[in-house]
Structure formats: C-alpha cells, structure tokens
C-alpha cells in the first residue's frame, strides 16, 4: 500500500509518501513541504498549497491519503488555516476516489514512537529509523507527514475506527479501472 501523509498547515504543509512493505516495514517514496507566503491573501495561499497537493497525488498515485485530524487550539486563525488545508487534501483525494483517513496527533505519535505524548524530536528520530534515513526529516512538518503515512500503514482504519468508504462504493469494473490508472501513473 502507498500512503500520502498530509500534515496540514497554511504556511507549511508537510507531504510524505511511504510504501508499506512486508514485515511491517516502510520505504520512503517522497517528502516535501508545500509553502505559502503569509503576506499573500488566504485564497492565493490555499491555491499554492492545493497545487502542491495535486502534483504530489498525480506524481505518486497513493492508495490512501492520511490527514492529521484538526483539533481545537487557542489560536483561531491557525486552526482555521489548518482545517482549510486539511479540506483541500480530502477534496483532492475524493476527486480521484482515493480513500481518506484522519489520525489524531497523539495516535500518530503512539504509532511511531510508542507514546502519544512524544516530543517532535522523538517523532523525527523514529521516522528516520523506521525509514532507514541517514538524516532526520526536516522541518518537523515533513517528519509529521511521514509519521502520518506510517501510522496509517499500521493503523489503517484511521481515527474513525472504520473504513472511510463503504466496501461496495465502487463497482468491480470501477475498482479495476482505478487500479489500472494508479499503476499507470506509478510506471509513467
């Protein structure tokens, strides 16, 4: 399974693509951070992030998109931007009939480090170790996106505890068509 992890943010949005391998192992496919200038109007910032999300999905053809579940913060403008970017990721996936899963920050930390209260440095260290990286993924948004992808590989039901789509949402022909499209994008 190939998972795109999205750590949503309006200034920095982490994007991490990871392949699941046999034996509960994972392989890094791609990591980047989509950025937008805070001096721009919000609509233009969202457009920049949306384009990066679209390009990442098109280039890497994930089987699932795992997004960090937005939680309430004291800073309303921060949580609004985060929620808007999370929505962009979900729409980009839904447009392609790619299942979406939501994971809480503590769920992701627990999956990757064993503790739901782990610090950012612990998450970065474990992500590097799990993916066999020589260096820590930076900035933290990149590590968080990879951690989301790894979490989903190991806890595929997502935060809701159930598949994000009904098992019969696609007909067998639609499923084969979608699989063929994904395979073609991966080869191309």
N, C-alpha and C. Protein backbone atom coordinates (compact mmCIF):
# COMPACT_ATOMS: atom_id res chain seq x y z
N UNK A 1 0.84 -1.18 0.00
CA UNK A 1 0.00 0.00 0.00
C UNK A 1 0.89 1.24 0.00
N UNK A 2 0.49 2.23 -0.76
CA UNK A 2 1.20 3.51 -0.80
C UNK A 2 0.30 4.56 -0.14
N UNK A 3 0.86 5.27 0.85
CA UNK A 3 0.09 6.25 1.61
C UNK A 3 0.74 7.62 1.49
N UNK A 4 -0.09 8.62 1.21
CA UNK A 4 0.33 10.02 1.28
C UNK A 4 -0.11 10.56 2.62
N UNK A 5 0.85 10.97 3.44
CA UNK A 5 0.55 11.62 4.71
C UNK A 5 0.56 13.12 4.50
N UNK A 6 -0.44 13.81 5.05
CA UNK A 6 -0.54 15.25 4.92
C UNK A 6 -0.62 15.87 6.31
N UNK A 7 0.40 16.68 6.63
CA UNK A 7 0.41 17.46 7.87
C UNK A 7 -0.05 18.86 7.48
N UNK A 8 -1.36 19.15 7.61
CA UNK A 8 -1.90 20.38 7.04
C UNK A 8 -1.44 21.63 7.78
N UNK A 9 -1.14 22.63 7.00
CA UNK A 9 -0.78 23.94 7.54
C UNK A 9 -0.83 24.94 6.41
N UNK A 10 -1.20 26.16 6.72
CA UNK A 10 -1.33 27.17 5.68
C UNK A 10 0.02 27.77 5.29
N UNK A 11 0.95 27.86 6.23
CA UNK A 11 2.28 28.36 5.90
C UNK A 11 3.18 27.23 5.41
N UNK A 12 3.12 26.09 6.11
CA UNK A 12 3.90 24.90 5.73
C UNK A 12 2.98 23.69 5.82
N UNK A 13 2.88 22.96 4.72
CA UNK A 13 2.08 21.74 4.67
C UNK A 13 3.00 20.58 4.32
N UNK A 14 3.20 19.67 5.27
CA UNK A 14 4.07 18.53 5.05
C UNK A 14 3.39 17.48 4.19
N UNK A 15 4.15 16.94 3.22
CA UNK A 15 3.66 15.90 2.32
C UNK A 15 4.67 14.75 2.35
N UNK A 16 4.22 13.57 2.75
CA UNK A 16 5.12 12.42 2.82
C UNK A 16 4.47 11.19 2.23
N UNK A 17 5.16 10.57 1.28
CA UNK A 17 4.63 9.36 0.63
C UNK A 17 5.50 8.18 1.06
N UNK A 18 4.84 7.13 1.54
CA UNK A 18 5.53 5.96 2.06
C UNK A 18 4.86 4.71 1.50
N UNK A 19 5.68 3.74 1.11
CA UNK A 19 5.17 2.43 0.69
C UNK A 19 5.26 1.46 1.86
N UNK A 20 4.21 0.70 2.08
CA UNK A 20 4.25 -0.37 3.06
C UNK A 20 4.88 -1.60 2.45
N UNK A 21 5.77 -2.23 3.20
CA UNK A 21 6.48 -3.42 2.74
C UNK A 21 6.14 -4.59 3.66
N UNK A 22 6.36 -5.80 3.20
CA UNK A 22 6.10 -6.96 4.07
C UNK A 22 6.89 -6.87 5.38
N UNK A 23 6.33 -7.45 6.42
CA UNK A 23 7.02 -7.48 7.70
C UNK A 23 6.96 -6.17 8.45
N UNK A 24 5.88 -5.41 8.27
CA UNK A 24 5.69 -4.13 8.97
C UNK A 24 6.87 -3.19 8.76
N UNK A 25 7.33 -3.15 7.51
CA UNK A 25 8.40 -2.21 7.15
C UNK A 25 7.83 -1.16 6.21
N UNK A 26 8.56 -0.06 6.07
CA UNK A 26 8.10 1.03 5.21
C UNK A 26 9.29 1.59 4.44
N UNK A 27 8.97 2.16 3.27
CA UNK A 27 10.02 2.74 2.41
C UNK A 27 9.60 4.14 2.02
N UNK A 28 10.54 5.08 2.14
CA UNK A 28 10.30 6.46 1.73
C UNK A 28 10.19 6.53 0.21
N UNK A 29 9.15 7.20 -0.27
CA UNK A 29 8.97 7.44 -1.70
C UNK A 29 9.23 8.91 -1.99
N UNK A 30 8.67 9.79 -1.14
CA UNK A 30 8.75 11.23 -1.40
C UNK A 30 8.48 11.98 -0.10
N UNK A 31 9.16 13.09 0.07
CA UNK A 31 8.83 14.00 1.17
C UNK A 31 9.10 15.42 0.71
N UNK A 32 8.18 16.31 1.05
CA UNK A 32 8.34 17.73 0.71
C UNK A 32 7.48 18.56 1.64
N UNK A 33 7.67 19.86 1.56
CA UNK A 33 6.85 20.79 2.31
C UNK A 33 6.34 21.85 1.34
N UNK A 34 5.02 21.93 1.20
CA UNK A 34 4.40 22.98 0.39
C UNK A 34 4.33 24.23 1.25
N UNK A 35 4.74 25.34 0.69
CA UNK A 35 4.80 26.59 1.46
C UNK A 35 3.96 27.68 0.80
N UNK A 36 3.46 28.57 1.65
CA UNK A 36 2.79 29.77 1.14
C UNK A 36 3.22 30.96 1.99
N UNK A 37 3.34 32.08 1.35
CA UNK A 37 3.80 33.32 1.99
C UNK A 37 2.65 33.94 2.79
N UNK A 38 2.84 34.15 4.09
CA UNK A 38 1.78 34.76 4.91
C UNK A 38 1.36 36.15 4.44
N UNK A 39 2.19 36.80 3.62
CA UNK A 39 1.83 38.12 3.11
C UNK A 39 0.76 38.06 2.02
N UNK A 40 0.55 36.89 1.43
CA UNK A 40 -0.45 36.73 0.37
C UNK A 40 -1.86 36.64 0.98
N UNK A 41 -2.87 36.92 0.17
CA UNK A 41 -4.25 36.72 0.60
C UNK A 41 -4.49 35.21 0.78
N UNK A 42 -5.42 34.89 1.68
CA UNK A 42 -5.68 33.49 2.02
C UNK A 42 -6.04 32.66 0.80
N UNK A 43 -6.85 33.19 -0.11
CA UNK A 43 -7.23 32.41 -1.28
C UNK A 43 -6.02 32.03 -2.13
N UNK A 44 -5.07 32.94 -2.25
CA UNK A 44 -3.87 32.66 -3.03
C UNK A 44 -2.96 31.65 -2.31
N UNK A 45 -2.93 31.74 -1.00
CA UNK A 45 -2.14 30.77 -0.22
C UNK A 45 -2.73 29.37 -0.37
N UNK A 46 -4.06 29.28 -0.29
CA UNK A 46 -4.71 27.98 -0.44
C UNK A 46 -4.47 27.42 -1.84
N UNK A 47 -4.48 28.28 -2.83
CA UNK A 47 -4.24 27.84 -4.20
C UNK A 47 -2.83 27.26 -4.35
N UNK A 48 -1.84 27.88 -3.74
CA UNK A 48 -0.47 27.36 -3.80
C UNK A 48 -0.37 25.97 -3.16
N UNK A 49 -0.99 25.82 -1.99
CA UNK A 49 -0.96 24.53 -1.29
C UNK A 49 -1.72 23.48 -2.11
N UNK A 50 -2.87 23.87 -2.65
CA UNK A 50 -3.68 22.94 -3.44
C UNK A 50 -2.91 22.42 -4.65
N UNK A 51 -2.19 23.29 -5.31
CA UNK A 51 -1.40 22.87 -6.48
C UNK A 51 -0.33 21.85 -6.07
N UNK A 52 0.32 22.09 -4.96
CA UNK A 52 1.35 21.14 -4.49
C UNK A 52 0.72 19.80 -4.14
N UNK A 53 -0.44 19.82 -3.49
CA UNK A 53 -1.15 18.57 -3.17
C UNK A 53 -1.51 17.81 -4.44
N UNK A 54 -2.08 18.51 -5.40
CA UNK A 54 -2.47 17.89 -6.67
C UNK A 54 -1.26 17.26 -7.37
N UNK A 55 -0.16 18.00 -7.44
CA UNK A 55 1.05 17.48 -8.09
C UNK A 55 1.56 16.23 -7.38
N UNK A 56 1.56 16.26 -6.07
CA UNK A 56 2.05 15.11 -5.29
C UNK A 56 1.17 13.88 -5.54
N UNK A 57 -0.13 14.07 -5.53
CA UNK A 57 -1.04 12.95 -5.77
C UNK A 57 -0.88 12.41 -7.18
N UNK A 58 -0.79 13.29 -8.15
CA UNK A 58 -0.62 12.86 -9.54
C UNK A 58 0.69 12.11 -9.75
N UNK A 59 1.76 12.64 -9.17
CA UNK A 59 3.08 12.03 -9.38
C UNK A 59 3.24 10.70 -8.66
N UNK A 60 2.68 10.58 -7.45
CA UNK A 60 2.97 9.40 -6.63
C UNK A 60 1.82 8.41 -6.49
N UNK A 61 0.64 8.75 -6.98
CA UNK A 61 -0.52 7.84 -7.03
C UNK A 61 -0.72 7.04 -5.74
N UNK A 62 -1.02 7.72 -4.63
CA UNK A 62 -1.22 6.97 -3.39
C UNK A 62 -2.51 6.15 -3.42
N UNK A 63 -2.52 5.08 -2.63
CA UNK A 63 -3.71 4.26 -2.47
C UNK A 63 -4.65 4.86 -1.43
N UNK A 64 -4.07 5.62 -0.50
CA UNK A 64 -4.81 6.26 0.59
C UNK A 64 -4.14 7.59 0.91
N UNK A 65 -4.94 8.53 1.39
CA UNK A 65 -4.41 9.80 1.88
C UNK A 65 -4.76 9.88 3.37
N UNK A 66 -3.72 10.02 4.19
CA UNK A 66 -3.90 10.12 5.65
C UNK A 66 -3.63 11.57 6.06
N UNK A 67 -4.61 12.18 6.68
CA UNK A 67 -4.55 13.59 7.05
C UNK A 67 -4.61 13.72 8.56
N UNK A 68 -3.80 14.64 9.09
CA UNK A 68 -3.87 14.87 10.54
C UNK A 68 -5.21 15.51 10.87
N UNK A 69 -5.88 14.92 11.84
CA UNK A 69 -7.18 15.45 12.28
C UNK A 69 -6.94 16.77 12.99
N UNK A 70 -7.69 17.78 12.58
CA UNK A 70 -7.55 19.11 13.16
C UNK A 70 -8.21 19.11 14.53
N UNK A 71 -7.52 19.67 15.51
CA UNK A 71 -8.07 19.76 16.85
C UNK A 71 -8.10 21.23 17.26
N UNK A 72 -8.95 21.55 18.22
CA UNK A 72 -9.11 22.94 18.65
C UNK A 72 -7.84 23.46 19.30
N UNK A 73 -7.49 24.66 18.91
CA UNK A 73 -6.35 25.34 19.51
C UNK A 73 -6.84 26.69 20.01
N UNK A 74 -6.01 27.37 20.79
CA UNK A 74 -6.39 28.69 21.27
C UNK A 74 -6.34 29.72 20.16
N UNK A 75 -5.46 29.51 19.18
CA UNK A 75 -5.29 30.45 18.09
C UNK A 75 -6.27 30.09 16.97
N UNK A 76 -7.38 30.82 16.88
CA UNK A 76 -8.44 30.51 15.93
C UNK A 76 -7.95 30.62 14.48
N UNK A 77 -7.13 31.61 14.17
CA UNK A 77 -6.68 31.76 12.78
C UNK A 77 -5.79 30.59 12.37
N UNK A 78 -5.00 30.06 13.28
CA UNK A 78 -4.16 28.91 12.98
C UNK A 78 -5.01 27.67 12.71
N UNK A 79 -5.99 27.42 13.56
CA UNK A 79 -6.82 26.22 13.39
C UNK A 79 -7.68 26.35 12.13
N UNK A 80 -8.10 27.55 11.78
CA UNK A 80 -8.89 27.72 10.55
C UNK A 80 -8.05 27.40 9.32
N UNK A 81 -6.83 27.93 9.25
CA UNK A 81 -5.95 27.64 8.12
C UNK A 81 -5.63 26.17 8.02
N UNK A 82 -5.38 25.54 9.15
CA UNK A 82 -5.09 24.11 9.19
C UNK A 82 -6.29 23.31 8.68
N UNK A 83 -7.48 23.67 9.14
CA UNK A 83 -8.70 22.97 8.71
C UNK A 83 -8.95 23.18 7.22
N UNK A 84 -8.69 24.39 6.72
CA UNK A 84 -8.89 24.65 5.29
C UNK A 84 -7.96 23.78 4.45
N UNK A 85 -6.71 23.66 4.86
CA UNK A 85 -5.75 22.85 4.10
C UNK A 85 -6.11 21.36 4.22
N UNK A 86 -6.55 20.92 5.39
CA UNK A 86 -7.00 19.53 5.53
C UNK A 86 -8.15 19.25 4.57
N UNK A 87 -9.05 20.20 4.44
CA UNK A 87 -10.17 20.05 3.50
C UNK A 87 -9.69 19.95 2.06
N UNK A 88 -8.67 20.74 1.70
CA UNK A 88 -8.11 20.65 0.34
C UNK A 88 -7.58 19.25 0.06
N UNK A 89 -6.88 18.68 1.05
CA UNK A 89 -6.31 17.34 0.88
C UNK A 89 -7.42 16.30 0.70
N UNK A 90 -8.48 16.44 1.48
CA UNK A 90 -9.57 15.48 1.39
C UNK A 90 -10.30 15.60 0.05
N UNK A 91 -10.49 16.81 -0.43
CA UNK A 91 -11.15 17.00 -1.72
C UNK A 91 -10.29 16.47 -2.86
N UNK A 92 -8.98 16.75 -2.81
CA UNK A 92 -8.08 16.26 -3.87
C UNK A 92 -8.13 14.73 -3.94
N UNK A 93 -8.18 14.08 -2.78
CA UNK A 93 -8.27 12.61 -2.75
C UNK A 93 -9.64 12.15 -3.25
N UNK A 94 -10.70 12.76 -2.74
CA UNK A 94 -12.05 12.36 -3.12
C UNK A 94 -12.28 12.52 -4.61
N UNK A 95 -11.71 13.54 -5.20
CA UNK A 95 -11.85 13.77 -6.65
C UNK A 95 -11.35 12.56 -7.43
N UNK A 96 -10.38 11.84 -6.87
CA UNK A 96 -9.79 10.67 -7.55
C UNK A 96 -10.29 9.35 -6.95
N UNK A 97 -11.26 9.43 -6.08
CA UNK A 97 -11.80 8.26 -5.38
C UNK A 97 -10.74 7.54 -4.57
N UNK A 98 -9.82 8.30 -4.01
CA UNK A 98 -8.80 7.74 -3.12
C UNK A 98 -9.34 7.85 -1.70
N UNK A 99 -9.36 6.76 -0.95
CA UNK A 99 -9.85 6.82 0.43
C UNK A 99 -9.02 7.78 1.28
N UNK A 100 -9.71 8.41 2.23
CA UNK A 100 -9.08 9.36 3.16
C UNK A 100 -9.24 8.82 4.57
N UNK A 101 -8.20 8.95 5.37
CA UNK A 101 -8.26 8.59 6.78
C UNK A 101 -7.77 9.77 7.59
N UNK A 102 -8.36 9.95 8.77
CA UNK A 102 -7.95 11.01 9.68
C UNK A 102 -7.32 10.38 10.91
N UNK A 103 -6.19 10.92 11.32
CA UNK A 103 -5.50 10.43 12.51
C UNK A 103 -5.17 11.60 13.42
N UNK A 104 -5.37 11.41 14.72
CA UNK A 104 -5.05 12.47 15.68
C UNK A 104 -3.54 12.53 15.89
N UNK A 105 -3.03 13.70 16.31
CA UNK A 105 -1.59 13.79 16.59
C UNK A 105 -1.11 12.75 17.61
N UNK A 106 -1.90 12.51 18.66
CA UNK A 106 -1.46 11.54 19.67
C UNK A 106 -1.48 10.12 19.13
N UNK A 107 -2.42 9.81 18.25
CA UNK A 107 -2.47 8.49 17.61
C UNK A 107 -1.22 8.27 16.76
N UNK A 108 -0.84 9.30 16.01
CA UNK A 108 0.34 9.22 15.14
C UNK A 108 1.60 9.03 15.99
N UNK A 109 1.74 9.83 17.04
CA UNK A 109 2.92 9.72 17.92
C UNK A 109 3.00 8.33 18.54
N UNK A 110 1.86 7.81 18.99
CA UNK A 110 1.84 6.49 19.61
C UNK A 110 2.23 5.41 18.61
N UNK A 111 1.75 5.52 17.37
CA UNK A 111 2.07 4.51 16.36
C UNK A 111 3.55 4.50 16.03
N UNK A 112 4.16 5.67 15.99
CA UNK A 112 5.55 5.77 15.55
C UNK A 112 6.55 5.63 16.69
N UNK A 113 6.22 6.19 17.87
CA UNK A 113 7.19 6.18 18.97
C UNK A 113 6.81 5.27 20.13
N UNK A 114 5.54 4.89 20.20
CA UNK A 114 5.07 4.11 21.33
C UNK A 114 4.45 4.97 22.41
N UNK A 115 4.55 6.30 22.27
CA UNK A 115 3.97 7.21 23.26
C UNK A 115 3.19 8.31 22.56
N UNK A 116 1.95 8.50 22.96
CA UNK A 116 1.11 9.54 22.39
C UNK A 116 1.52 10.94 22.82
N UNK A 117 2.47 11.03 23.74
CA UNK A 117 2.94 12.33 24.21
C UNK A 117 4.37 12.63 23.78
N UNK A 118 4.85 11.93 22.79
CA UNK A 118 6.23 12.10 22.33
C UNK A 118 6.47 13.53 21.83
N UNK A 119 7.71 13.97 21.99
CA UNK A 119 8.12 15.29 21.50
C UNK A 119 8.43 15.20 20.01
N UNK A 120 8.48 16.36 19.35
CA UNK A 120 8.78 16.42 17.92
C UNK A 120 10.09 15.71 17.59
N UNK A 121 11.12 15.91 18.40
CA UNK A 121 12.43 15.31 18.14
C UNK A 121 12.34 13.78 18.17
N UNK A 122 11.52 13.23 19.08
CA UNK A 122 11.35 11.78 19.14
C UNK A 122 10.67 11.26 17.88
N UNK A 123 9.68 11.99 17.40
CA UNK A 123 8.98 11.59 16.18
C UNK A 123 9.95 11.61 15.00
N UNK A 124 10.74 12.69 14.87
CA UNK A 124 11.71 12.78 13.78
C UNK A 124 12.71 11.63 13.84
N UNK A 125 13.20 11.32 15.03
CA UNK A 125 14.19 10.25 15.19
C UNK A 125 13.60 8.90 14.80
N UNK A 126 12.39 8.61 15.25
CA UNK A 126 11.78 7.32 14.93
C UNK A 126 11.41 7.21 13.46
N UNK A 127 10.96 8.30 12.86
CA UNK A 127 10.64 8.27 11.42
C UNK A 127 11.91 7.96 10.63
N UNK A 128 13.00 8.62 10.99
CA UNK A 128 14.27 8.36 10.30
C UNK A 128 14.68 6.90 10.48
N UNK A 129 14.54 6.39 11.68
CA UNK A 129 14.92 5.00 11.96
C UNK A 129 14.03 4.01 11.20
N UNK A 130 12.72 4.25 11.23
CA UNK A 130 11.78 3.33 10.57
C UNK A 130 11.94 3.31 9.05
N UNK A 131 12.34 4.46 8.49
CA UNK A 131 12.51 4.54 7.03
C UNK A 131 13.95 4.34 6.59
N UNK A 132 14.86 4.10 7.55
CA UNK A 132 16.26 3.87 7.22
C UNK A 132 16.95 5.10 6.63
N UNK A 133 16.58 6.28 7.13
CA UNK A 133 17.16 7.53 6.63
C UNK A 133 18.44 7.86 7.38
N UNK A 134 19.40 8.43 6.69
CA UNK A 134 20.66 8.85 7.32
C UNK A 134 20.48 10.11 8.15
N UNK A 135 19.57 10.98 7.71
CA UNK A 135 19.33 12.25 8.40
C UNK A 135 17.89 12.33 8.86
N UNK A 136 17.67 13.17 9.88
CA UNK A 136 16.30 13.40 10.34
C UNK A 136 15.53 14.19 9.29
N UNK A 137 14.28 13.82 9.04
CA UNK A 137 13.49 14.61 8.09
C UNK A 137 13.20 15.99 8.70
N UNK A 138 13.48 17.03 7.94
CA UNK A 138 13.27 18.41 8.39
C UNK A 138 12.57 19.19 7.29
N UNK A 139 11.78 20.17 7.66
CA UNK A 139 11.39 20.57 9.01
C UNK A 139 10.44 19.55 9.64
N UNK A 140 9.96 19.88 10.82
CA UNK A 140 9.09 18.96 11.55
C UNK A 140 7.84 18.61 10.75
N UNK A 141 7.38 19.52 9.91
CA UNK A 141 6.19 19.25 9.08
C UNK A 141 6.42 18.05 8.16
N UNK A 142 7.64 17.93 7.64
CA UNK A 142 7.99 16.80 6.77
C UNK A 142 7.97 15.50 7.56
N UNK A 143 8.57 15.52 8.75
CA UNK A 143 8.58 14.33 9.60
C UNK A 143 7.16 13.94 10.02
N UNK A 144 6.34 14.95 10.32
CA UNK A 144 4.96 14.66 10.73
C UNK A 144 4.16 14.02 9.60
N UNK A 145 4.38 14.49 8.36
CA UNK A 145 3.68 13.91 7.22
C UNK A 145 4.09 12.44 7.02
N UNK A 146 5.38 12.17 7.15
CA UNK A 146 5.85 10.78 7.04
C UNK A 146 5.30 9.92 8.18
N UNK A 147 5.25 10.49 9.38
CA UNK A 147 4.71 9.77 10.53
C UNK A 147 3.23 9.44 10.31
N UNK A 148 2.49 10.37 9.73
CA UNK A 148 1.07 10.11 9.40
C UNK A 148 0.95 8.93 8.45
N UNK A 149 1.79 8.91 7.42
CA UNK A 149 1.74 7.81 6.45
C UNK A 149 2.07 6.48 7.11
N UNK A 150 3.11 6.46 7.94
CA UNK A 150 3.50 5.25 8.66
C UNK A 150 2.37 4.81 9.59
N UNK A 151 1.81 5.75 10.32
CA UNK A 151 0.70 5.44 11.23
C UNK A 151 -0.42 4.76 10.46
N UNK A 152 -0.77 5.30 9.31
CA UNK A 152 -1.88 4.70 8.56
C UNK A 152 -1.55 3.30 8.05
N UNK A 153 -0.30 3.07 7.69
CA UNK A 153 0.09 1.72 7.28
C UNK A 153 -0.15 0.73 8.41
N UNK A 154 0.07 1.16 9.64
CA UNK A 154 -0.03 0.27 10.80
C UNK A 154 -1.39 0.31 11.47
N UNK A 155 -2.14 1.38 11.24
CA UNK A 155 -3.48 1.52 11.82
C UNK A 155 -4.43 2.01 10.72
N UNK A 156 -4.72 1.17 9.75
CA UNK A 156 -5.40 1.62 8.54
C UNK A 156 -6.84 2.10 8.72
N UNK A 157 -7.48 1.79 9.81
CA UNK A 157 -8.87 2.22 9.96
C UNK A 157 -8.98 3.72 10.15
N UNK A 158 -7.92 4.37 10.58
CA UNK A 158 -7.99 5.81 10.81
C UNK A 158 -8.69 6.12 12.11
N UNK A 159 -8.86 7.38 12.36
CA UNK A 159 -9.40 7.84 13.64
C UNK A 159 -10.84 7.41 13.86
N UNK A 160 -11.57 7.14 12.80
CA UNK A 160 -12.97 6.79 12.96
C UNK A 160 -13.18 5.32 13.28
N UNK A 161 -12.13 4.52 13.16
CA UNK A 161 -12.23 3.12 13.52
C UNK A 161 -12.93 2.26 12.49
N UNK A 162 -13.17 2.81 11.31
CA UNK A 162 -13.85 2.05 10.26
C UNK A 162 -13.34 2.53 8.91
N UNK A 163 -13.50 1.72 7.87
CA UNK A 163 -13.07 2.17 6.55
C UNK A 163 -13.76 3.48 6.19
N UNK A 164 -13.06 4.31 5.43
CA UNK A 164 -13.59 5.61 5.06
C UNK A 164 -14.61 5.51 3.92
N UNK A 165 -14.66 4.39 3.24
CA UNK A 165 -15.62 4.18 2.16
C UNK A 165 -16.36 2.87 2.40
N UNK A 166 -17.58 2.82 1.97
CA UNK A 166 -18.33 1.57 2.01
C UNK A 166 -17.62 0.56 1.12
N UNK A 167 -17.55 -0.72 1.53
CA UNK A 167 -16.87 -1.73 0.71
C UNK A 167 -17.39 -1.79 -0.73
N UNK A 168 -18.67 -1.54 -0.96
CA UNK A 168 -19.23 -1.61 -2.30
C UNK A 168 -19.33 -0.27 -2.99
N UNK A 169 -18.56 0.74 -2.55
CA UNK A 169 -18.68 2.08 -3.12
C UNK A 169 -18.33 2.10 -4.61
N UNK A 170 -17.42 1.24 -5.03
CA UNK A 170 -17.06 1.15 -6.44
C UNK A 170 -17.50 -0.21 -6.98
N UNK A 171 -17.93 -0.22 -8.21
CA UNK A 171 -18.25 -1.49 -8.84
C UNK A 171 -16.93 -2.21 -9.13
N UNK A 172 -16.96 -3.52 -9.39
CA UNK A 172 -15.72 -4.22 -9.73
C UNK A 172 -15.01 -3.59 -10.93
N UNK A 173 -15.76 -3.16 -11.92
CA UNK A 173 -15.15 -2.54 -13.11
C UNK A 173 -14.50 -1.20 -12.74
N UNK A 174 -15.16 -0.41 -11.90
CA UNK A 174 -14.59 0.87 -11.46
C UNK A 174 -13.31 0.63 -10.65
N UNK A 175 -13.34 -0.39 -9.80
CA UNK A 175 -12.16 -0.71 -8.99
C UNK A 175 -10.98 -1.09 -9.89
N UNK A 176 -11.23 -1.94 -10.90
CA UNK A 176 -10.15 -2.34 -11.82
C UNK A 176 -9.64 -1.14 -12.59
N UNK A 177 -10.54 -0.26 -13.01
CA UNK A 177 -10.14 0.94 -13.75
C UNK A 177 -9.25 1.83 -12.86
N UNK A 178 -9.66 2.05 -11.63
CA UNK A 178 -8.88 2.88 -10.71
C UNK A 178 -7.51 2.25 -10.45
N UNK A 179 -7.46 0.93 -10.27
CA UNK A 179 -6.18 0.25 -10.05
C UNK A 179 -5.28 0.39 -11.27
N UNK A 180 -5.86 0.28 -12.46
CA UNK A 180 -5.07 0.43 -13.69
C UNK A 180 -4.53 1.85 -13.82
N UNK A 181 -5.36 2.85 -13.48
CA UNK A 181 -4.91 4.24 -13.54
C UNK A 181 -3.74 4.47 -12.58
N UNK A 182 -3.85 3.95 -11.36
CA UNK A 182 -2.78 4.13 -10.37
C UNK A 182 -1.50 3.44 -10.84
N UNK A 183 -1.63 2.24 -11.35
CA UNK A 183 -0.46 1.51 -11.84
C UNK A 183 0.21 2.26 -12.98
N UNK A 184 -0.59 2.83 -13.88
CA UNK A 184 -0.03 3.58 -15.00
C UNK A 184 0.70 4.83 -14.52
N UNK A 185 0.14 5.55 -13.53
CA UNK A 185 0.80 6.73 -13.01
C UNK A 185 2.12 6.38 -12.34
N UNK A 186 2.16 5.24 -11.65
CA UNK A 186 3.39 4.83 -10.98
C UNK A 186 4.48 4.50 -12.00
N UNK A 187 4.10 3.86 -13.11
CA UNK A 187 5.08 3.50 -14.15
C UNK A 187 5.54 4.73 -14.92
N UNK A 188 4.59 5.64 -15.18
CA UNK A 188 4.85 6.80 -16.04
C UNK A 188 5.61 7.83 -15.33
